[in-house]
């Protein structure tokens, strides 16, 4: 049961390709999780929490490969250019969905064609906060100010 649960966690990663038909021996070599951010951030910490369980469930090393820079573009590009063999996965954040709108002509990958989303790993809220001395209690009041 634990092996099935961990394997299902593994499928929640975003893969830079459709997994090929798996041979009976998959996985036969280490699996790489490309994290397009610096170590210590939320995406990195989540990936590291999964790493040990994935290794135990799959029986191969799972390597965290942090490739920070350019708002995640460096790591995402690396994952997009990886061999489509089922051994390189991309674990990213919401910034992945923003990049095509921000950098339409400059992205070296096509977010809708170069990747196959498998599942969402987490949900997290974003908040807008102000210093307590600010005389506002809502976004409407902040805009008016």
N, C-alpha and C. Protein backbone atom coordinates (compact mmCIF):
# COMPACT_ATOMS: atom_id res chain seq x y z
N UNK A 1 0.82 -1.19 0.00
CA UNK A 1 0.00 0.00 0.00
C UNK A 1 0.87 1.27 0.00
N UNK A 2 1.94 1.25 0.83
CA UNK A 2 2.83 2.40 0.90
C UNK A 2 3.47 2.65 -0.47
N UNK A 3 3.88 1.58 -1.14
CA UNK A 3 4.51 1.71 -2.46
C UNK A 3 3.54 2.34 -3.47
N UNK A 4 2.28 1.95 -3.40
CA UNK A 4 1.27 2.52 -4.30
C UNK A 4 1.05 3.99 -3.98
N UNK A 5 0.99 4.33 -2.70
CA UNK A 5 0.79 5.74 -2.32
C UNK A 5 1.95 6.59 -2.78
N UNK A 6 3.17 6.10 -2.62
CA UNK A 6 4.33 6.87 -3.06
C UNK A 6 4.39 6.97 -4.58
N UNK A 7 4.04 5.91 -5.24
CA UNK A 7 4.03 5.96 -6.71
C UNK A 7 2.99 6.95 -7.19
N UNK A 8 1.86 7.04 -6.50
CA UNK A 8 0.85 8.02 -6.92
C UNK A 8 1.35 9.44 -6.65
N UNK A 9 2.13 9.64 -5.59
CA UNK A 9 2.73 10.95 -5.36
C UNK A 9 3.67 11.30 -6.50
N UNK A 10 4.40 10.31 -6.97
CA UNK A 10 5.33 10.52 -8.06
C UNK A 10 4.60 11.02 -9.31
N UNK A 11 3.41 10.50 -9.54
CA UNK A 11 2.66 10.91 -10.73
C UNK A 11 2.13 12.32 -10.63
N UNK A 12 2.23 12.94 -9.46
CA UNK A 12 1.74 14.30 -9.33
C UNK A 12 2.76 15.34 -9.80
N UNK A 13 3.91 14.89 -10.21
CA UNK A 13 4.91 15.81 -10.73
C UNK A 13 4.54 16.24 -12.13
N UNK A 14 5.06 17.35 -12.57
CA UNK A 14 4.81 17.80 -13.93
C UNK A 14 5.94 17.29 -14.80
N UNK A 15 5.60 16.48 -15.79
CA UNK A 15 6.60 15.87 -16.65
C UNK A 15 6.79 16.69 -17.91
N UNK A 16 8.03 16.81 -18.39
CA UNK A 16 8.26 17.55 -19.62
C UNK A 16 7.98 16.74 -20.87
N UNK A 17 7.22 15.69 -20.73
CA UNK A 17 6.90 14.83 -21.86
C UNK A 17 5.84 13.86 -21.42
N UNK A 18 5.17 13.26 -22.37
CA UNK A 18 4.27 12.16 -22.04
C UNK A 18 5.15 10.95 -21.77
N UNK A 19 4.90 10.27 -20.68
CA UNK A 19 5.73 9.11 -20.38
C UNK A 19 5.57 8.06 -21.47
N UNK A 20 6.66 7.49 -21.94
CA UNK A 20 6.54 6.44 -22.95
C UNK A 20 5.94 5.19 -22.31
N UNK A 21 5.50 4.27 -23.13
CA UNK A 21 5.02 3.01 -22.61
C UNK A 21 6.13 2.43 -21.74
N UNK A 22 5.82 2.13 -20.51
CA UNK A 22 6.87 1.73 -19.59
C UNK A 22 7.17 0.24 -19.72
N UNK A 23 8.44 -0.05 -19.81
CA UNK A 23 8.89 -1.44 -19.83
C UNK A 23 8.79 -1.98 -18.42
N UNK A 24 8.83 -3.28 -18.30
CA UNK A 24 8.69 -3.92 -17.00
C UNK A 24 9.74 -3.45 -16.00
N UNK A 25 10.90 -3.00 -16.47
CA UNK A 25 11.98 -2.63 -15.57
C UNK A 25 12.02 -1.16 -15.15
N UNK A 26 11.05 -0.37 -15.57
CA UNK A 26 11.08 1.05 -15.22
C UNK A 26 10.80 1.21 -13.75
N UNK A 27 11.53 2.04 -13.07
CA UNK A 27 12.71 2.79 -13.49
C UNK A 27 13.97 1.96 -13.31
N UNK A 28 14.89 2.14 -14.23
CA UNK A 28 16.15 1.40 -14.21
C UNK A 28 17.35 2.27 -13.91
N UNK A 29 17.15 3.58 -13.77
CA UNK A 29 18.24 4.50 -13.48
C UNK A 29 17.69 5.65 -12.63
N UNK A 30 18.56 6.50 -12.10
CA UNK A 30 18.09 7.61 -11.26
C UNK A 30 17.09 8.52 -11.99
N UNK A 31 16.21 9.07 -11.22
CA UNK A 31 15.22 10.01 -11.72
C UNK A 31 15.62 11.40 -11.27
N UNK A 32 15.50 12.37 -12.17
CA UNK A 32 15.89 13.76 -11.87
C UNK A 32 14.64 14.61 -11.75
N UNK A 33 14.56 15.34 -10.64
CA UNK A 33 13.50 16.33 -10.45
C UNK A 33 14.14 17.71 -10.64
N UNK A 34 13.79 18.38 -11.73
CA UNK A 34 14.32 19.72 -11.99
C UNK A 34 13.44 20.70 -11.24
N UNK A 35 14.07 21.51 -10.39
CA UNK A 35 13.39 22.55 -9.63
C UNK A 35 13.94 23.87 -10.17
N UNK A 36 13.10 24.70 -10.81
CA UNK A 36 13.61 25.92 -11.42
C UNK A 36 13.79 27.10 -10.46
N UNK A 37 14.11 26.77 -9.20
CA UNK A 37 14.28 27.79 -8.17
C UNK A 37 15.45 27.41 -7.26
N UNK A 38 15.91 28.36 -6.47
CA UNK A 38 17.01 28.12 -5.54
C UNK A 38 16.60 27.14 -4.44
N UNK A 39 17.58 26.46 -3.86
CA UNK A 39 17.29 25.60 -2.72
C UNK A 39 16.72 26.41 -1.55
N UNK A 40 15.81 25.81 -0.83
CA UNK A 40 15.25 26.44 0.35
C UNK A 40 13.89 27.07 0.16
N UNK A 41 13.45 27.24 -1.07
CA UNK A 41 12.13 27.79 -1.33
C UNK A 41 11.05 26.73 -1.21
N UNK A 42 9.81 27.14 -1.35
CA UNK A 42 8.69 26.23 -1.18
C UNK A 42 8.69 25.05 -2.14
N UNK A 43 8.98 25.29 -3.41
CA UNK A 43 9.00 24.21 -4.39
C UNK A 43 10.12 23.23 -4.09
N UNK A 44 11.28 23.75 -3.70
CA UNK A 44 12.41 22.90 -3.35
C UNK A 44 12.10 22.07 -2.11
N UNK A 45 11.53 22.69 -1.09
CA UNK A 45 11.23 21.97 0.15
C UNK A 45 10.19 20.87 -0.08
N UNK A 46 9.19 21.15 -0.88
CA UNK A 46 8.19 20.14 -1.20
C UNK A 46 8.84 18.97 -1.93
N UNK A 47 9.70 19.27 -2.89
CA UNK A 47 10.37 18.22 -3.65
C UNK A 47 11.25 17.37 -2.76
N UNK A 48 11.93 17.98 -1.83
CA UNK A 48 12.80 17.23 -0.92
C UNK A 48 11.99 16.36 0.03
N UNK A 49 10.80 16.82 0.39
CA UNK A 49 9.93 16.00 1.23
C UNK A 49 9.48 14.74 0.49
N UNK A 50 9.31 14.86 -0.81
CA UNK A 50 8.90 13.70 -1.63
C UNK A 50 10.06 12.79 -1.99
N UNK A 51 11.25 13.35 -2.04
CA UNK A 51 12.42 12.64 -2.55
C UNK A 51 12.64 11.28 -1.86
N UNK A 52 12.70 11.26 -0.55
CA UNK A 52 12.99 10.02 0.18
C UNK A 52 11.91 8.97 -0.07
N UNK A 53 10.67 9.38 -0.03
CA UNK A 53 9.57 8.43 -0.24
C UNK A 53 9.56 7.88 -1.66
N UNK A 54 9.86 8.75 -2.61
CA UNK A 54 9.92 8.28 -4.00
C UNK A 54 11.05 7.28 -4.18
N UNK A 55 12.19 7.57 -3.56
CA UNK A 55 13.33 6.64 -3.66
C UNK A 55 12.97 5.28 -3.09
N UNK A 56 12.32 5.27 -1.93
CA UNK A 56 11.93 4.00 -1.33
C UNK A 56 10.89 3.27 -2.16
N UNK A 57 9.94 4.01 -2.70
CA UNK A 57 8.86 3.38 -3.48
C UNK A 57 9.34 2.86 -4.83
N UNK A 58 10.24 3.60 -5.46
CA UNK A 58 10.66 3.25 -6.81
C UNK A 58 11.96 2.45 -6.86
N UNK A 59 12.73 2.49 -5.77
CA UNK A 59 13.96 1.70 -5.71
C UNK A 59 15.14 2.27 -6.48
N UNK A 60 15.07 3.55 -6.85
CA UNK A 60 16.18 4.20 -7.54
C UNK A 60 16.41 5.57 -6.90
N UNK A 61 17.61 6.12 -7.04
CA UNK A 61 17.85 7.47 -6.51
C UNK A 61 16.97 8.50 -7.22
N UNK A 62 16.51 9.48 -6.46
CA UNK A 62 15.78 10.62 -7.01
C UNK A 62 16.64 11.84 -6.71
N UNK A 63 17.10 12.49 -7.76
CA UNK A 63 18.05 13.59 -7.63
C UNK A 63 17.34 14.92 -7.80
N UNK A 64 17.52 15.80 -6.83
CA UNK A 64 16.99 17.16 -6.92
C UNK A 64 18.00 18.00 -7.69
N UNK A 65 17.56 18.65 -8.75
CA UNK A 65 18.43 19.46 -9.60
C UNK A 65 17.88 20.89 -9.63
N UNK A 66 18.37 21.72 -8.71
CA UNK A 66 17.94 23.13 -8.66
C UNK A 66 18.62 23.91 -9.77
N UNK A 67 17.82 24.56 -10.61
CA UNK A 67 18.33 25.38 -11.71
C UNK A 67 17.61 26.72 -11.69
N UNK A 68 18.02 27.57 -10.78
CA UNK A 68 17.37 28.86 -10.58
C UNK A 68 17.81 29.88 -11.62
N UNK A 69 16.98 30.88 -11.80
CA UNK A 69 17.33 32.00 -12.65
C UNK A 69 16.27 32.34 -13.65
N UNK A 70 16.19 33.62 -13.99
CA UNK A 70 15.28 34.13 -15.01
C UNK A 70 13.83 33.79 -14.71
N UNK A 71 13.45 33.90 -13.44
CA UNK A 71 12.06 33.63 -13.07
C UNK A 71 11.63 32.20 -13.31
N UNK A 72 12.56 31.28 -13.26
CA UNK A 72 12.26 29.87 -13.48
C UNK A 72 12.54 29.40 -14.89
N UNK A 73 12.80 30.31 -15.80
CA UNK A 73 12.98 29.95 -17.21
C UNK A 73 14.16 29.03 -17.44
N UNK A 74 15.25 29.19 -16.71
CA UNK A 74 16.43 28.35 -16.91
C UNK A 74 16.11 26.89 -16.61
N UNK A 75 15.51 26.64 -15.46
CA UNK A 75 15.17 25.26 -15.10
C UNK A 75 14.11 24.66 -15.99
N UNK A 76 13.10 25.44 -16.34
CA UNK A 76 12.03 24.93 -17.21
C UNK A 76 12.59 24.58 -18.58
N UNK A 77 13.48 25.42 -19.10
CA UNK A 77 14.11 25.15 -20.39
C UNK A 77 14.93 23.87 -20.33
N UNK A 78 15.67 23.68 -19.26
CA UNK A 78 16.45 22.45 -19.09
C UNK A 78 15.53 21.23 -19.14
N UNK A 79 14.43 21.29 -18.42
CA UNK A 79 13.49 20.17 -18.42
C UNK A 79 12.86 19.95 -19.80
N UNK A 80 12.54 21.04 -20.49
CA UNK A 80 11.93 20.92 -21.82
C UNK A 80 12.88 20.27 -22.82
N UNK A 81 14.17 20.48 -22.65
CA UNK A 81 15.16 19.94 -23.58
C UNK A 81 15.68 18.56 -23.18
N UNK A 82 15.23 18.05 -22.04
CA UNK A 82 15.68 16.73 -21.59
C UNK A 82 15.14 15.64 -22.51
N UNK A 83 15.86 14.55 -22.56
CA UNK A 83 15.41 13.40 -23.36
C UNK A 83 14.04 12.94 -22.86
N UNK A 84 13.13 12.67 -23.76
CA UNK A 84 11.78 12.24 -23.36
C UNK A 84 11.75 10.75 -23.00
N UNK A 85 12.50 10.40 -21.96
CA UNK A 85 12.64 8.99 -21.60
C UNK A 85 11.99 8.63 -20.27
N UNK A 86 11.29 9.58 -19.65
CA UNK A 86 10.61 9.29 -18.40
C UNK A 86 11.48 9.40 -17.17
N UNK A 87 12.66 10.00 -17.29
CA UNK A 87 13.57 10.10 -16.16
C UNK A 87 13.84 11.53 -15.70
N UNK A 88 13.29 12.50 -16.37
CA UNK A 88 13.43 13.90 -15.95
C UNK A 88 12.05 14.49 -15.78
N UNK A 89 11.79 15.07 -14.61
CA UNK A 89 10.51 15.68 -14.30
C UNK A 89 10.74 17.11 -13.85
N UNK A 90 9.73 17.93 -14.05
CA UNK A 90 9.77 19.32 -13.63
C UNK A 90 8.78 19.50 -12.49
N UNK A 91 9.25 20.07 -11.40
CA UNK A 91 8.38 20.44 -10.29
C UNK A 91 8.46 21.95 -10.21
N UNK A 92 7.36 22.63 -10.46
CA UNK A 92 7.39 24.09 -10.55
C UNK A 92 6.22 24.70 -9.80
N UNK A 93 6.14 26.00 -9.86
CA UNK A 93 5.09 26.73 -9.14
C UNK A 93 4.21 27.49 -10.13
N UNK A 94 3.38 28.34 -9.60
CA UNK A 94 2.47 29.13 -10.44
C UNK A 94 3.21 30.02 -11.43
N UNK A 95 4.46 30.34 -11.16
CA UNK A 95 5.21 31.18 -12.09
C UNK A 95 5.29 30.55 -13.48
N UNK A 96 5.22 29.25 -13.53
CA UNK A 96 5.23 28.54 -14.81
C UNK A 96 4.05 28.99 -15.68
N UNK A 97 2.92 29.24 -15.06
CA UNK A 97 1.74 29.65 -15.84
C UNK A 97 1.79 31.13 -16.22
N UNK A 98 2.55 31.93 -15.49
CA UNK A 98 2.64 33.36 -15.79
C UNK A 98 3.62 33.65 -16.92
N UNK A 99 4.68 32.88 -17.01
CA UNK A 99 5.78 33.17 -17.93
C UNK A 99 5.33 33.35 -19.38
N UNK A 100 4.47 32.48 -19.94
CA UNK A 100 4.08 32.68 -21.35
C UNK A 100 3.40 34.02 -21.61
N UNK A 101 2.66 34.53 -20.65
CA UNK A 101 2.02 35.83 -20.81
C UNK A 101 2.98 36.99 -20.67
N UNK A 102 4.02 36.79 -19.88
CA UNK A 102 5.00 37.86 -19.65
C UNK A 102 6.09 37.91 -20.70
N UNK A 103 6.48 36.73 -21.20
CA UNK A 103 7.62 36.64 -22.11
C UNK A 103 7.23 35.93 -23.39
N UNK A 104 6.18 36.35 -24.05
CA UNK A 104 5.64 35.65 -25.21
C UNK A 104 6.68 35.31 -26.27
N UNK A 105 7.55 36.22 -26.59
CA UNK A 105 8.51 36.01 -27.68
C UNK A 105 9.85 35.49 -27.21
N UNK A 106 10.11 35.55 -25.92
CA UNK A 106 11.45 35.25 -25.43
C UNK A 106 11.61 33.88 -24.79
N UNK A 107 10.54 33.12 -24.61
CA UNK A 107 10.68 31.83 -23.96
C UNK A 107 11.25 30.79 -24.93
N UNK A 108 12.26 30.04 -24.48
CA UNK A 108 12.85 29.02 -25.35
C UNK A 108 12.09 27.69 -25.29
N UNK A 109 10.89 27.70 -24.76
CA UNK A 109 10.05 26.51 -24.71
C UNK A 109 8.60 26.94 -24.91
N UNK A 110 7.76 25.99 -25.25
CA UNK A 110 6.34 26.24 -25.40
C UNK A 110 5.63 25.54 -24.25
N UNK A 111 5.13 26.31 -23.31
CA UNK A 111 4.54 25.74 -22.10
C UNK A 111 3.39 24.79 -22.37
N UNK A 112 2.65 25.02 -23.44
CA UNK A 112 1.50 24.15 -23.72
C UNK A 112 1.87 22.94 -24.57
N UNK A 113 2.99 22.96 -25.27
CA UNK A 113 3.36 21.85 -26.14
C UNK A 113 4.51 21.00 -25.60
N UNK A 114 5.40 21.60 -24.83
CA UNK A 114 6.60 20.89 -24.38
C UNK A 114 6.40 20.13 -23.07
N UNK A 115 5.24 20.29 -22.43
CA UNK A 115 5.01 19.66 -21.14
C UNK A 115 3.62 19.03 -21.08
N UNK A 116 3.52 18.01 -20.27
CA UNK A 116 2.24 17.38 -20.00
C UNK A 116 2.00 17.48 -18.50
N UNK A 117 1.02 18.28 -18.09
CA UNK A 117 0.74 18.37 -16.65
C UNK A 117 0.12 17.07 -16.16
N UNK A 118 0.59 16.58 -15.04
CA UNK A 118 0.06 15.35 -14.49
C UNK A 118 -0.91 15.61 -13.35
N UNK A 119 -0.54 16.49 -12.43
CA UNK A 119 -1.40 16.78 -11.30
C UNK A 119 -0.81 17.93 -10.49
N UNK A 120 -1.64 18.49 -9.65
CA UNK A 120 -1.18 19.55 -8.76
C UNK A 120 -0.70 18.91 -7.46
N UNK A 121 0.45 19.34 -6.98
CA UNK A 121 0.99 18.82 -5.72
C UNK A 121 0.39 19.51 -4.51
N UNK A 122 0.26 20.81 -4.57
CA UNK A 122 -0.24 21.56 -3.42
C UNK A 122 -1.06 22.76 -3.88
N UNK A 123 -1.73 23.35 -2.93
CA UNK A 123 -2.38 24.64 -3.13
C UNK A 123 -1.90 25.52 -2.00
N UNK A 124 -1.64 26.77 -2.32
CA UNK A 124 -1.24 27.68 -1.26
C UNK A 124 -1.82 29.06 -1.55
N UNK A 125 -2.26 29.72 -0.51
CA UNK A 125 -2.83 31.06 -0.72
C UNK A 125 -1.74 32.10 -0.90
N UNK A 126 -2.07 33.16 -1.59
CA UNK A 126 -1.21 34.33 -1.68
C UNK A 126 -1.93 35.44 -0.93
N UNK A 127 -1.17 36.23 -0.21
CA UNK A 127 -1.79 37.30 0.56
C UNK A 127 -1.17 38.64 0.19
N UNK A 128 -1.95 39.68 0.37
CA UNK A 128 -1.47 41.05 0.23
C UNK A 128 -1.52 41.64 1.64
N UNK A 129 -0.39 42.08 2.12
CA UNK A 129 -0.31 42.60 3.48
C UNK A 129 0.23 44.03 3.46
N UNK A 130 -0.20 44.80 4.42
CA UNK A 130 0.30 46.17 4.58
C UNK A 130 0.74 46.35 6.02
N UNK A 131 1.55 47.36 6.24
CA UNK A 131 1.99 47.70 7.60
C UNK A 131 0.77 48.11 8.42
N UNK A 132 0.73 47.75 9.70
CA UNK A 132 -0.43 48.08 10.53
C UNK A 132 -0.73 49.59 10.61
N UNK A 133 0.26 50.41 10.33
CA UNK A 133 0.02 51.86 10.40
C UNK A 133 -0.74 52.38 9.18
N UNK A 134 -0.85 51.57 8.13
CA UNK A 134 -1.59 52.00 6.93
C UNK A 134 -3.07 52.12 7.27
N UNK A 135 -3.71 53.20 6.85
CA UNK A 135 -5.13 53.41 7.19
C UNK A 135 -6.08 52.71 6.21
N UNK A 136 -5.82 51.43 5.95
CA UNK A 136 -6.68 50.68 5.03
C UNK A 136 -7.04 49.32 5.63
N UNK A 137 -8.22 48.84 5.26
CA UNK A 137 -8.66 47.53 5.73
C UNK A 137 -9.13 46.63 4.59
N UNK A 138 -8.99 47.10 3.35
CA UNK A 138 -9.42 46.31 2.20
C UNK A 138 -8.63 46.74 0.96
N UNK A 139 -8.71 45.95 -0.09
CA UNK A 139 -8.06 46.32 -1.35
C UNK A 139 -8.69 47.58 -1.91
N UNK A 140 -10.00 47.70 -1.78
CA UNK A 140 -10.70 48.89 -2.27
C UNK A 140 -10.16 50.15 -1.59
N UNK A 141 -9.97 50.08 -0.28
CA UNK A 141 -9.43 51.22 0.47
C UNK A 141 -7.97 51.49 0.06
N UNK A 142 -7.21 50.43 -0.18
CA UNK A 142 -5.81 50.60 -0.61
C UNK A 142 -5.74 51.29 -1.96
N UNK A 143 -6.57 50.90 -2.89
CA UNK A 143 -6.60 51.54 -4.21
C UNK A 143 -7.00 53.00 -4.09
N UNK A 144 -8.00 53.28 -3.26
CA UNK A 144 -8.46 54.66 -3.08
C UNK A 144 -7.34 55.51 -2.47
N UNK A 145 -6.58 54.94 -1.56
CA UNK A 145 -5.49 55.68 -0.93
C UNK A 145 -4.41 56.01 -1.95
